[in-house]
Amino acid sequence: MRVMSDDGVQIGFEVVGEGPPVVLLHGFFGDRSTWRDAGYVAGLAGFRLVLVDGRGHGESGRPHDPGAYDVTRQGDDVLAVLDALGIAKASVWGSSMGGIVALHLLARHPARMDRVVATGAHGDAVPSQEDDDLARTLRARGVAPLIPELGDVPGWMAATMRAADPLALAALAEALPRRPSALADLAKAPNPVLLLAGEHDDDLTTIRRTADVLPHGDVAVLPGCGHFAAFTRVDLALPEVLGRGALGHPEAR
């Protein structure tokens, strides 16, 4: 399925299962299929899962202008999907870039969200030379040379990365560090928020700082994981989320 965003970009999505609605937002390099391939879709039985392809990924439109990837626009894409499905309020689980989008969406529209889980993401502003370097690499060499840099990449993730549009990802890489801090607005959000982070994630301190400003925020640190493994180690992430009721409670199957 697809829905048209306010700025004319098509946003691809699919719905799986029945129960309380949960939106799943993938990370940079991924698409909505990564939630299924990693094992999250099977592990979240009892929820109505709304899997969204972020703009620039999967079946969504792939603009090459960095301005098209403003974090506000990305959040509005999620609202457009929810509106198309007639969902007034949903929990959201975002990973990495998807977690950033989820936190910024929470800062602006807490009434549209129930609970939030963010893996490897925070709400602060962090201008980064690394993102500019990534954009240059993507434009010059494409995605394939970057796959080994992530470490132990499952075959399904490598395939998804190879299918990506490097120019769309380069535009996104330029846009991400331009985002403003959402901490002041997150401090007013009444929603329960769980931040998942690998113990070796370079952003762990900043992730903890985001949790500190949230009225109902908590951090779960996944042992032995870096940034990428915090998503792929579904055996560690899912028990934390389900055991804490961080997405609410699924329907009995």
Protein backbone atom coordinates (compact mmCIF):
# COMPACT_ATOMS: atom_id res chain seq x y z
CA MET A 1 0.00 0.00 0.00
CA ARG A 2 1.02 3.61 -0.50
CA VAL A 3 -0.07 7.04 0.64
CA MET A 4 0.89 10.45 -0.75
CA SER A 5 2.75 12.79 1.59
CA ASP A 6 2.00 16.51 1.74
CA ASP A 7 5.02 17.28 -0.47
CA GLY A 8 4.12 14.67 -3.10
CA VAL A 9 6.39 11.80 -2.03
CA GLN A 10 4.79 8.34 -2.10
CA ILE A 11 5.17 6.46 1.21
CA GLY A 12 5.01 2.66 1.10
CA PHE A 13 3.66 0.66 4.01
CA GLU A 14 1.96 -2.59 4.95
CA VAL A 15 -0.18 -3.83 7.82
CA VAL A 16 0.35 -7.20 9.51
CA GLY A 17 -1.75 -8.82 12.22
CA GLU A 18 -4.53 -7.68 14.53
CA GLY A 19 -4.49 -6.01 17.92
CA PRO A 20 -3.26 -2.72 19.37
CA PRO A 21 -1.55 -0.69 16.61
CA VAL A 22 2.24 -0.43 16.60
CA VAL A 23 4.15 1.49 13.92
CA LEU A 24 7.61 0.12 13.06
CA LEU A 25 10.18 2.57 11.64
CA HIS A 26 13.40 1.11 10.25
CA GLY A 27 16.90 2.54 10.32
CA PHE A 28 19.24 4.10 7.76
CA PHE A 29 20.14 1.57 5.00
CA GLY A 30 17.06 -0.55 5.83
CA ASP A 31 13.46 -0.72 4.75
CA ARG A 32 10.32 -2.19 6.26
CA SER A 33 11.37 -5.73 5.32
CA THR A 34 14.18 -5.64 7.89
CA TRP A 35 11.66 -5.87 10.75
CA ARG A 36 10.36 -9.12 9.31
CA ASP A 37 13.77 -10.53 8.36
CA ALA A 38 15.23 -9.84 11.81
CA GLY A 39 12.33 -11.66 13.50
CA TYR A 40 10.38 -8.77 15.01
CA VAL A 41 7.17 -9.32 13.07
CA ALA A 42 6.90 -12.89 14.30
CA GLY A 43 7.86 -11.85 17.81
CA LEU A 44 5.21 -9.13 17.96
CA ALA A 45 2.23 -11.37 17.25
CA GLY A 46 -0.91 -9.97 18.84
CA PHE A 47 -0.25 -6.41 17.67
CA ARG A 48 -1.48 -4.71 14.51
CA LEU A 49 1.88 -3.85 12.99
CA VAL A 50 2.17 -0.94 10.58
CA LEU A 51 5.49 -1.29 8.75
CA VAL A 52 6.52 1.93 7.00
CA ASP A 53 9.19 2.48 4.34
CA GLY A 54 10.83 5.77 5.23
CA ARG A 55 11.18 8.17 2.32
CA GLY A 56 14.29 7.28 0.34
CA HIS A 57 13.89 3.57 1.16
CA GLY A 58 12.01 0.50 -0.04
CA GLU A 59 8.83 1.25 -1.98
CA SER A 60 8.68 4.89 -0.91
CA GLY A 61 9.71 7.76 -3.15
CA ARG A 62 13.43 8.50 -3.29
CA PRO A 63 14.07 12.23 -3.65
CA HIS A 64 17.70 13.30 -4.02
CA ASP A 65 17.26 16.72 -2.37
CA PRO A 66 18.42 16.89 1.28
CA GLY A 67 15.57 19.29 2.00
CA ALA A 68 13.10 16.48 1.38
CA TYR A 69 14.45 14.61 4.43
CA ASP A 70 13.74 17.17 7.13
CA VAL A 71 12.87 15.21 10.26
CA THR A 72 9.52 17.00 10.48
CA ARG A 73 8.61 15.77 7.00
CA GLN A 74 9.57 12.23 7.97
CA GLY A 75 7.30 12.41 11.00
CA ASP A 76 4.47 13.79 8.89
CA ASP A 77 4.82 10.74 6.64
CA VAL A 78 4.01 8.54 9.63
CA LEU A 79 0.94 10.64 10.42
CA ALA A 80 -0.18 10.36 6.79
CA VAL A 81 -0.05 6.57 7.04
CA LEU A 82 -1.97 6.57 10.31
CA ASP A 83 -4.59 8.90 8.85
CA ALA A 84 -4.98 6.67 5.78
CA LEU A 85 -5.61 3.71 8.08
CA GLY A 86 -7.99 5.63 10.35
CA ILE A 87 -5.71 5.15 13.37
CA ALA A 88 -6.01 8.04 15.81
CA LYS A 89 -3.29 6.85 18.19
CA ALA A 90 -0.57 4.20 18.02
CA SER A 91 2.56 3.04 19.76
CA VAL A 92 5.75 3.49 17.74
CA TRP A 93 9.01 1.54 17.70
CA GLY A 94 11.78 3.13 15.71
CA SER A 95 15.31 1.88 15.18
CA SER A 96 18.27 4.25 14.72
CA MET A 97 17.04 6.81 12.15
CA GLY A 98 13.52 5.51 12.74
CA GLY A 99 13.97 6.12 16.44
CA ILE A 100 15.02 9.69 15.76
CA VAL A 101 11.87 10.19 13.70
CA ALA A 102 9.75 8.64 16.46
CA LEU A 103 11.20 10.92 19.15
CA HIS A 104 10.77 14.05 17.07
CA LEU A 105 7.22 13.00 16.24
CA LEU A 106 6.55 12.48 19.94
CA ALA A 107 7.89 15.96 20.66
CA ARG A 108 5.40 17.50 18.22
CA HIS A 109 2.38 15.21 18.46
CA PRO A 110 2.29 13.33 21.78
CA ALA A 111 -1.50 12.95 21.50
CA ARG A 112 -1.10 10.79 18.36
CA MET A 113 1.20 8.37 20.16
CA ASP A 114 0.59 5.88 22.94
CA ARG A 115 4.01 4.48 23.87
CA VAL A 116 7.38 4.87 22.20
CA VAL A 117 10.38 2.58 21.91
CA ALA A 118 13.54 3.89 20.26
CA THR A 119 16.57 1.72 19.56
CA GLY A 120 19.93 3.47 19.24
CA ALA A 121 18.37 6.93 19.03
CA HIS A 122 18.16 10.16 21.01
CA GLY A 123 16.42 13.51 20.76
CA ASP A 124 19.34 15.92 20.85
CA ALA A 125 20.97 17.86 18.02
CA VAL A 126 24.35 16.55 16.93
CA PRO A 127 26.01 18.21 13.90
CA SER A 128 28.33 15.54 12.56
CA GLN A 129 31.23 15.56 10.13
CA GLU A 130 30.76 11.79 9.86
CA ASP A 131 27.39 12.28 8.15
CA ASP A 132 28.95 14.62 5.58
CA ASP A 133 31.68 12.07 4.96
CA LEU A 134 29.05 9.35 4.57
CA ALA A 135 27.17 11.44 2.01
CA ARG A 136 30.33 11.94 -0.04
CA THR A 137 31.14 8.22 0.09
CA LEU A 138 27.64 7.25 -1.01
CA ARG A 139 27.75 9.61 -3.97
CA ALA A 140 31.22 8.51 -5.04
CA ARG A 141 31.17 4.77 -4.34
CA GLY A 142 27.61 3.66 -3.63
CA VAL A 143 26.42 1.47 -0.78
CA ALA A 144 28.28 -1.82 -1.28
CA PRO A 145 31.68 -0.67 0.08
CA LEU A 146 30.00 0.37 3.33
CA ILE A 147 28.55 -3.03 4.16
CA PRO A 148 31.75 -4.49 5.70
CA GLU A 149 32.08 -1.42 7.94
CA LEU A 150 28.95 -2.45 9.87
CA GLY A 151 30.60 -5.65 11.06
CA ASP A 152 28.64 -8.90 11.09
CA VAL A 153 25.87 -8.02 8.63
CA PRO A 154 23.20 -10.72 8.07
CA GLY A 155 22.63 -11.69 4.44
CA TRP A 156 19.14 -10.19 4.42
CA MET A 157 20.48 -6.83 5.57
CA ALA A 158 23.27 -6.84 3.01
CA ALA A 159 20.73 -7.52 0.27
CA THR A 160 18.55 -4.65 1.44
CA MET A 161 21.54 -2.33 1.48
CA ARG A 162 22.59 -3.29 -2.04
CA ALA A 163 19.08 -2.49 -3.29
CA ALA A 164 19.15 1.00 -1.78
CA ASP A 165 19.43 4.23 -3.78
CA PRO A 166 22.82 5.73 -2.80
CA LEU A 167 21.86 9.24 -3.91
CA ALA A 168 18.72 9.20 -1.77
CA LEU A 169 20.75 7.95 1.20
CA ALA A 170 23.37 10.64 0.59
CA ALA A 171 20.65 13.31 0.75
CA LEU A 172 19.35 11.79 3.98
CA ALA A 173 22.86 11.69 5.45
CA GLU A 174 23.20 15.41 4.78
CA ALA A 175 19.81 16.17 6.32
CA LEU A 176 20.12 14.17 9.56
CA PRO A 177 22.70 16.38 11.31
CA ARG A 178 20.65 19.49 10.52
CA ARG A 179 17.82 18.44 12.80
CA PRO A 180 17.17 20.59 15.87
CA SER A 181 17.13 19.32 19.41
CA ALA A 182 13.76 17.99 20.55
CA LEU A 183 14.70 17.76 24.23
CA ALA A 184 12.70 20.79 25.39
CA ASP A 185 9.49 19.43 23.88
CA LEU A 186 10.22 15.85 24.94
CA ALA A 187 10.40 17.11 28.51
CA LYS A 188 6.67 17.88 28.23
CA ALA A 189 5.62 14.57 26.67
CA PRO A 190 3.51 12.44 29.05
CA ASN A 191 4.02 9.20 27.13
CA PRO A 192 6.02 6.20 28.39
CA VAL A 193 9.27 5.93 26.42
CA LEU A 194 11.83 3.11 26.43
CA LEU A 195 15.23 3.79 24.89
CA LEU A 196 17.17 0.67 23.90
CA ALA A 197 20.90 1.01 23.43
CA GLY A 198 23.85 -1.29 22.95
CA GLU A 199 26.41 -0.96 25.72
CA HIS A 200 29.03 -0.11 23.07
CA ASP A 201 26.92 2.44 21.20
CA ASP A 202 28.93 5.64 20.79
CA ASP A 203 25.77 7.64 21.55
CA LEU A 204 24.93 5.91 24.83
CA THR A 205 25.66 9.00 26.93
CA THR A 206 23.43 11.15 24.73
CA ILE A 207 20.72 8.49 24.78
CA ARG A 208 20.81 8.53 28.59
CA ARG A 209 20.52 12.33 28.50
CA THR A 210 17.34 12.03 26.44
CA ALA A 211 15.89 9.56 28.94
CA ASP A 212 16.72 11.95 31.78
CA VAL A 213 14.53 14.73 30.36
CA LEU A 214 11.56 12.47 29.61
CA PRO A 215 8.93 12.46 32.38
CA HIS A 216 8.39 8.74 31.85
CA GLY A 217 11.58 7.66 30.13
CA ASP A 218 13.76 4.64 30.78
CA VAL A 219 16.88 3.09 29.25
CA ALA A 220 17.60 -0.60 28.66
CA VAL A 221 21.22 -1.36 27.80
CA LEU A 222 21.79 -4.47 25.71
CA PRO A 223 25.00 -6.23 26.76
CA GLY A 224 27.74 -6.82 24.22
CA CYS A 225 25.99 -4.81 21.51
CA GLY A 226 27.08 -1.89 19.45
CA HIS A 227 24.70 0.37 17.56
CA PHE A 228 23.83 -2.04 14.74
CA ALA A 229 23.64 -5.17 16.90
CA ALA A 230 21.09 -3.49 19.18
CA PHE A 231 18.65 -4.02 16.30
CA THR A 232 19.84 -7.37 14.92
CA ARG A 233 20.00 -9.02 18.36
CA VAL A 234 16.25 -9.49 18.47
CA ASP A 235 16.79 -12.16 21.14
CA LEU A 236 17.90 -9.39 23.49
CA ALA A 237 15.71 -6.51 22.34
CA LEU A 238 12.30 -8.20 22.20
CA PRO A 239 12.33 -9.58 25.77
CA GLU A 240 13.21 -6.12 27.10
CA VAL A 241 10.36 -4.48 25.20
CA LEU A 242 7.71 -7.12 25.79
CA GLY A 243 8.76 -7.83 29.37
CA ARG A 244 8.41 -4.16 30.29
CA GLY A 245 5.11 -3.75 28.43
CA ALA A 246 6.81 -0.94 26.53
CA LEU A 247 4.35 -1.22 23.62
CA GLY A 248 1.36 -2.01 25.78
CA HIS A 249 -0.01 -5.55 25.79
CA PRO A 250 -0.80 -7.66 22.73
CA GLU A 251 -4.13 -9.33 22.19
CA ALA A 252 -4.30 -12.89 23.40
CA ARG A 253 -3.77 -15.27 20.52
